[in-house]
Amino acid sequence: MVVKINQTNTATTLANGMNLMEAIAKRDALSRSIGVYQSLLAAGTGEREFHGMIPRDMVTLVPTISLTPLQEKVDTLISERLKLDLAIQEAGWTHDLIE
């Protein structure tokens, strides 16, 4: 069954020219990139837990990086992943498993 799924994923071409296997791999890579950027944003905005001897309300966190370009990058990556995910789902509905 796994072999048939892999054969189908390799033989199925999406509208953007990628085969289904490539699209799934790219979607996974986008998800990992989004996670990295979101972690960086969380760290830059102080959205992490404060572990230390000083109470959190006594500490002022000041971003040392510009967060706007990072948020724009996250938004772009999320949009790209969503479009790719929709194309993958469409292919799943419109193509049969190779027998």
N, C-alpha and C. Protein backbone atom coordinates (compact mmCIF):
# COMPACT_ATOMS: atom_id res chain seq x y z
N MET A 1 0.82 -1.19 0.00
CA MET A 1 0.00 0.00 0.00
C MET A 1 0.87 1.26 0.00
N VAL A 2 1.92 1.27 0.81
CA VAL A 2 2.81 2.44 0.87
C VAL A 2 3.46 2.68 -0.49
N VAL A 3 3.85 1.61 -1.14
CA VAL A 3 4.48 1.74 -2.46
C VAL A 3 3.49 2.36 -3.45
N LYS A 4 2.25 1.93 -3.41
CA LYS A 4 1.23 2.47 -4.32
C LYS A 4 0.97 3.95 -4.04
N ILE A 5 0.96 4.31 -2.76
CA ILE A 5 0.77 5.72 -2.40
C ILE A 5 1.94 6.54 -2.92
N ASN A 6 3.16 6.05 -2.73
CA ASN A 6 4.35 6.78 -3.21
C ASN A 6 4.36 6.89 -4.72
N GLN A 7 3.97 5.83 -5.41
CA GLN A 7 3.91 5.88 -6.87
C GLN A 7 2.87 6.92 -7.32
N THR A 8 1.73 6.93 -6.67
CA THR A 8 0.68 7.90 -7.00
C THR A 8 1.16 9.31 -6.73
N ASN A 9 1.80 9.54 -5.59
CA ASN A 9 2.29 10.88 -5.24
C ASN A 9 3.35 11.37 -6.21
N THR A 10 4.15 10.46 -6.72
CA THR A 10 5.18 10.84 -7.69
C THR A 10 4.58 11.09 -9.07
N ALA A 11 3.56 10.35 -9.43
CA ALA A 11 2.96 10.47 -10.76
C ALA A 11 1.93 11.61 -10.87
N THR A 12 1.44 12.08 -9.73
CA THR A 12 0.41 13.12 -9.74
C THR A 12 1.06 14.50 -9.80
N THR A 13 0.72 15.27 -10.82
CA THR A 13 1.27 16.61 -10.99
C THR A 13 0.21 17.65 -10.64
N LEU A 14 0.60 18.61 -9.82
CA LEU A 14 -0.29 19.70 -9.44
C LEU A 14 -0.28 20.78 -10.51
N ALA A 15 -1.20 21.73 -10.39
CA ALA A 15 -1.30 22.82 -11.36
C ALA A 15 -0.04 23.68 -11.39
N ASN A 16 0.70 23.73 -10.28
CA ASN A 16 1.92 24.54 -10.22
C ASN A 16 3.14 23.82 -10.80
N GLY A 17 2.94 22.60 -11.31
CA GLY A 17 4.02 21.85 -11.94
C GLY A 17 4.75 20.89 -11.01
N MET A 18 4.54 20.99 -9.71
CA MET A 18 5.17 20.08 -8.75
C MET A 18 4.40 18.77 -8.72
N ASN A 19 5.13 17.68 -8.48
CA ASN A 19 4.38 16.45 -8.24
C ASN A 19 3.96 16.44 -6.77
N LEU A 20 3.03 15.59 -6.45
CA LEU A 20 2.44 15.57 -5.11
C LEU A 20 3.47 15.29 -4.02
N MET A 21 4.42 14.43 -4.30
CA MET A 21 5.47 14.12 -3.33
C MET A 21 6.29 15.37 -3.00
N GLU A 22 6.66 16.14 -4.04
CA GLU A 22 7.42 17.37 -3.83
C GLU A 22 6.60 18.38 -3.03
N ALA A 23 5.32 18.47 -3.34
CA ALA A 23 4.44 19.42 -2.65
C ALA A 23 4.32 19.08 -1.17
N ILE A 24 4.19 17.81 -0.85
CA ILE A 24 4.09 17.39 0.55
C ILE A 24 5.39 17.72 1.29
N ALA A 25 6.52 17.46 0.65
CA ALA A 25 7.81 17.77 1.27
C ALA A 25 7.97 19.28 1.47
N LYS A 26 7.54 20.08 0.49
CA LYS A 26 7.65 21.53 0.61
C LYS A 26 6.72 22.04 1.71
N ARG A 27 5.51 21.48 1.80
CA ARG A 27 4.59 21.89 2.86
C ARG A 27 5.19 21.60 4.23
N ASP A 28 5.82 20.44 4.39
CA ASP A 28 6.45 20.10 5.66
C ASP A 28 7.60 21.06 5.98
N ALA A 29 8.38 21.42 4.98
CA ALA A 29 9.49 22.36 5.18
C ALA A 29 8.94 23.75 5.55
N LEU A 30 7.86 24.16 4.92
CA LEU A 30 7.23 25.44 5.26
C LEU A 30 6.74 25.43 6.70
N SER A 31 6.16 24.33 7.12
CA SER A 31 5.68 24.22 8.50
C SER A 31 6.83 24.36 9.50
N ARG A 32 7.96 23.74 9.20
CA ARG A 32 9.11 23.86 10.09
C ARG A 32 9.63 25.30 10.11
N SER A 33 9.69 25.94 8.95
CA SER A 33 10.16 27.33 8.88
C SER A 33 9.23 28.26 9.66
N ILE A 34 7.94 28.04 9.52
CA ILE A 34 6.96 28.86 10.24
C ILE A 34 7.18 28.72 11.74
N GLY A 35 7.40 27.50 12.20
CA GLY A 35 7.64 27.27 13.62
C GLY A 35 8.88 27.99 14.13
N VAL A 36 9.93 28.00 13.33
CA VAL A 36 11.17 28.68 13.73
C VAL A 36 10.93 30.18 13.83
N TYR A 37 10.29 30.75 12.81
CA TYR A 37 10.03 32.19 12.82
C TYR A 37 9.07 32.57 13.95
N GLN A 38 8.07 31.75 14.22
CA GLN A 38 7.14 32.05 15.31
C GLN A 38 7.84 31.98 16.66
N SER A 39 8.77 31.06 16.82
CA SER A 39 9.54 30.99 18.06
C SER A 39 10.40 32.24 18.22
N LEU A 40 10.99 32.68 17.13
CA LEU A 40 11.80 33.90 17.17
C LEU A 40 10.95 35.11 17.51
N LEU A 41 9.76 35.18 16.92
CA LEU A 41 8.84 36.28 17.24
C LEU A 41 8.44 36.25 18.72
N ALA A 42 8.13 35.07 19.21
CA ALA A 42 7.74 34.94 20.62
C ALA A 42 8.86 35.39 21.54
N ALA A 43 10.08 35.02 21.19
CA ALA A 43 11.23 35.44 22.00
C ALA A 43 11.43 36.95 21.92
N GLY A 44 11.20 37.51 20.74
CA GLY A 44 11.40 38.94 20.55
C GLY A 44 10.34 39.80 21.18
N THR A 45 9.17 39.24 21.44
CA THR A 45 8.08 40.00 22.05
C THR A 45 7.94 39.71 23.53
N GLY A 46 8.78 38.86 24.06
CA GLY A 46 8.70 38.53 25.48
C GLY A 46 7.59 37.56 25.80
N GLU A 47 7.09 36.83 24.82
CA GLU A 47 6.01 35.88 25.04
C GLU A 47 6.53 34.52 25.52
N ARG A 48 7.62 34.54 26.16
CA ARG A 48 8.15 33.30 26.71
C ARG A 48 8.07 33.39 28.23
N GLU A 49 8.17 32.28 28.86
CA GLU A 49 8.11 32.29 30.31
C GLU A 49 9.41 32.85 30.86
N PHE A 50 9.30 33.61 31.90
CA PHE A 50 10.47 34.22 32.53
C PHE A 50 10.89 33.34 33.70
N HIS A 51 12.07 32.78 33.59
CA HIS A 51 12.58 31.93 34.66
C HIS A 51 13.75 32.67 35.31
N GLY A 52 13.61 32.97 36.55
CA GLY A 52 14.69 33.64 37.24
C GLY A 52 14.29 34.03 38.64
N MET A 53 15.17 34.69 39.30
CA MET A 53 14.95 35.09 40.68
C MET A 53 14.15 36.39 40.78
N ILE A 54 14.10 37.18 39.71
CA ILE A 54 13.42 38.46 39.74
C ILE A 54 11.99 38.26 39.23
N PRO A 55 11.00 38.82 39.92
CA PRO A 55 9.62 38.70 39.43
C PRO A 55 9.46 39.34 38.05
N ARG A 56 8.63 38.73 37.22
CA ARG A 56 8.45 39.19 35.84
C ARG A 56 8.00 40.66 35.77
N ASP A 57 7.16 41.10 36.68
CA ASP A 57 6.67 42.47 36.62
C ASP A 57 7.74 43.50 36.96
N MET A 58 8.87 43.06 37.41
CA MET A 58 9.98 43.98 37.72
C MET A 58 10.97 44.06 36.56
N VAL A 59 10.71 43.33 35.50
CA VAL A 59 11.63 43.28 34.36
C VAL A 59 10.94 43.89 33.15
N THR A 60 11.63 44.77 32.47
CA THR A 60 11.12 45.34 31.23
C THR A 60 11.87 44.69 30.07
N LEU A 61 11.10 44.02 29.20
CA LEU A 61 11.71 43.36 28.05
C LEU A 61 11.64 44.31 26.87
N VAL A 62 12.79 44.55 26.25
CA VAL A 62 12.88 45.44 25.10
C VAL A 62 13.35 44.63 23.90
N PRO A 63 12.53 44.61 22.82
CA PRO A 63 12.96 43.87 21.63
C PRO A 63 14.28 44.42 21.08
N THR A 64 15.16 43.52 20.71
CA THR A 64 16.44 43.94 20.13
C THR A 64 16.48 43.71 18.62
N ILE A 65 15.38 43.20 18.10
CA ILE A 65 15.28 42.99 16.67
C ILE A 65 13.97 43.62 16.19
N SER A 66 13.90 43.94 14.91
CA SER A 66 12.68 44.48 14.34
C SER A 66 11.72 43.33 14.09
N LEU A 67 10.55 43.39 14.71
CA LEU A 67 9.62 42.28 14.65
C LEU A 67 8.70 42.33 13.42
N THR A 68 8.47 43.51 12.88
CA THR A 68 7.55 43.64 11.75
C THR A 68 7.98 42.82 10.54
N PRO A 69 9.24 42.88 10.10
CA PRO A 69 9.64 42.04 8.96
C PRO A 69 9.50 40.54 9.25
N LEU A 70 9.74 40.15 10.49
CA LEU A 70 9.58 38.73 10.85
C LEU A 70 8.12 38.31 10.77
N GLN A 71 7.23 39.17 11.25
CA GLN A 71 5.81 38.84 11.19
C GLN A 71 5.33 38.78 9.75
N GLU A 72 5.84 39.69 8.91
CA GLU A 72 5.49 39.66 7.49
C GLU A 72 5.97 38.37 6.84
N LYS A 73 7.16 37.92 7.22
CA LYS A 73 7.71 36.66 6.69
C LYS A 73 6.84 35.49 7.12
N VAL A 74 6.43 35.46 8.39
CA VAL A 74 5.55 34.40 8.88
C VAL A 74 4.24 34.40 8.11
N ASP A 75 3.66 35.58 7.92
CA ASP A 75 2.40 35.68 7.19
C ASP A 75 2.54 35.16 5.76
N THR A 76 3.65 35.50 5.10
CA THR A 76 3.90 35.03 3.74
C THR A 76 4.04 33.51 3.70
N LEU A 77 4.80 32.96 4.64
CA LEU A 77 4.99 31.51 4.69
C LEU A 77 3.68 30.78 4.97
N ILE A 78 2.88 31.33 5.87
CA ILE A 78 1.59 30.71 6.19
C ILE A 78 0.68 30.72 4.96
N SER A 79 0.67 31.83 4.24
CA SER A 79 -0.14 31.93 3.03
C SER A 79 0.32 30.92 1.98
N GLU A 80 1.63 30.81 1.82
CA GLU A 80 2.18 29.86 0.85
C GLU A 80 1.83 28.43 1.23
N ARG A 81 1.94 28.13 2.54
CA ARG A 81 1.61 26.77 3.01
C ARG A 81 0.13 26.47 2.80
N LEU A 82 -0.74 27.45 3.04
CA LEU A 82 -2.17 27.25 2.87
C LEU A 82 -2.50 26.96 1.41
N LYS A 83 -1.93 27.73 0.48
CA LYS A 83 -2.18 27.50 -0.94
C LYS A 83 -1.70 26.11 -1.36
N LEU A 84 -0.53 25.74 -0.88
CA LEU A 84 0.02 24.43 -1.21
C LEU A 84 -0.84 23.32 -0.61
N ASP A 85 -1.29 23.52 0.61
CA ASP A 85 -2.13 22.52 1.26
C ASP A 85 -3.45 22.34 0.51
N LEU A 86 -4.03 23.43 0.04
CA LEU A 86 -5.26 23.33 -0.74
C LEU A 86 -5.03 22.56 -2.05
N ALA A 87 -3.90 22.80 -2.70
CA ALA A 87 -3.58 22.08 -3.93
C ALA A 87 -3.38 20.59 -3.65
N ILE A 88 -2.76 20.28 -2.53
CA ILE A 88 -2.55 18.88 -2.14
C ILE A 88 -3.91 18.21 -1.88
N GLN A 89 -4.78 18.89 -1.16
CA GLN A 89 -6.10 18.33 -0.88
C GLN A 89 -6.90 18.13 -2.17
N GLU A 90 -6.81 19.09 -3.07
CA GLU A 90 -7.51 18.97 -4.35
C GLU A 90 -7.04 17.73 -5.11
N ALA A 91 -5.71 17.54 -5.12
CA ALA A 91 -5.16 16.37 -5.82
C ALA A 91 -5.64 15.07 -5.17
N GLY A 92 -5.76 15.08 -3.85
CA GLY A 92 -6.25 13.90 -3.15
C GLY A 92 -7.67 13.54 -3.52
N TRP A 93 -8.47 14.55 -3.83
CA TRP A 93 -9.87 14.31 -4.20
C TRP A 93 -10.02 13.98 -5.68
N THR A 94 -9.10 14.43 -6.52
CA THR A 94 -9.30 14.29 -7.97
C THR A 94 -8.46 13.18 -8.60
N HIS A 95 -7.57 12.57 -7.85
CA HIS A 95 -6.72 11.51 -8.42
C HIS A 95 -6.92 10.21 -7.65
N ASP A 96 -7.00 9.14 -8.39
CA ASP A 96 -7.15 7.83 -7.78
C ASP A 96 -5.79 7.20 -7.50
N LEU A 97 -5.77 6.30 -6.56
CA LEU A 97 -4.56 5.56 -6.23
C LEU A 97 -4.18 4.68 -7.42
N ILE A 98 -2.90 4.70 -7.78
CA ILE A 98 -2.41 3.85 -8.87
C ILE A 98 -2.42 2.40 -8.39
N GLU A 99 -3.02 1.56 -9.18
CA GLU A 99 -3.12 0.12 -8.82
C GLU A 99 -1.98 -0.66 -9.43
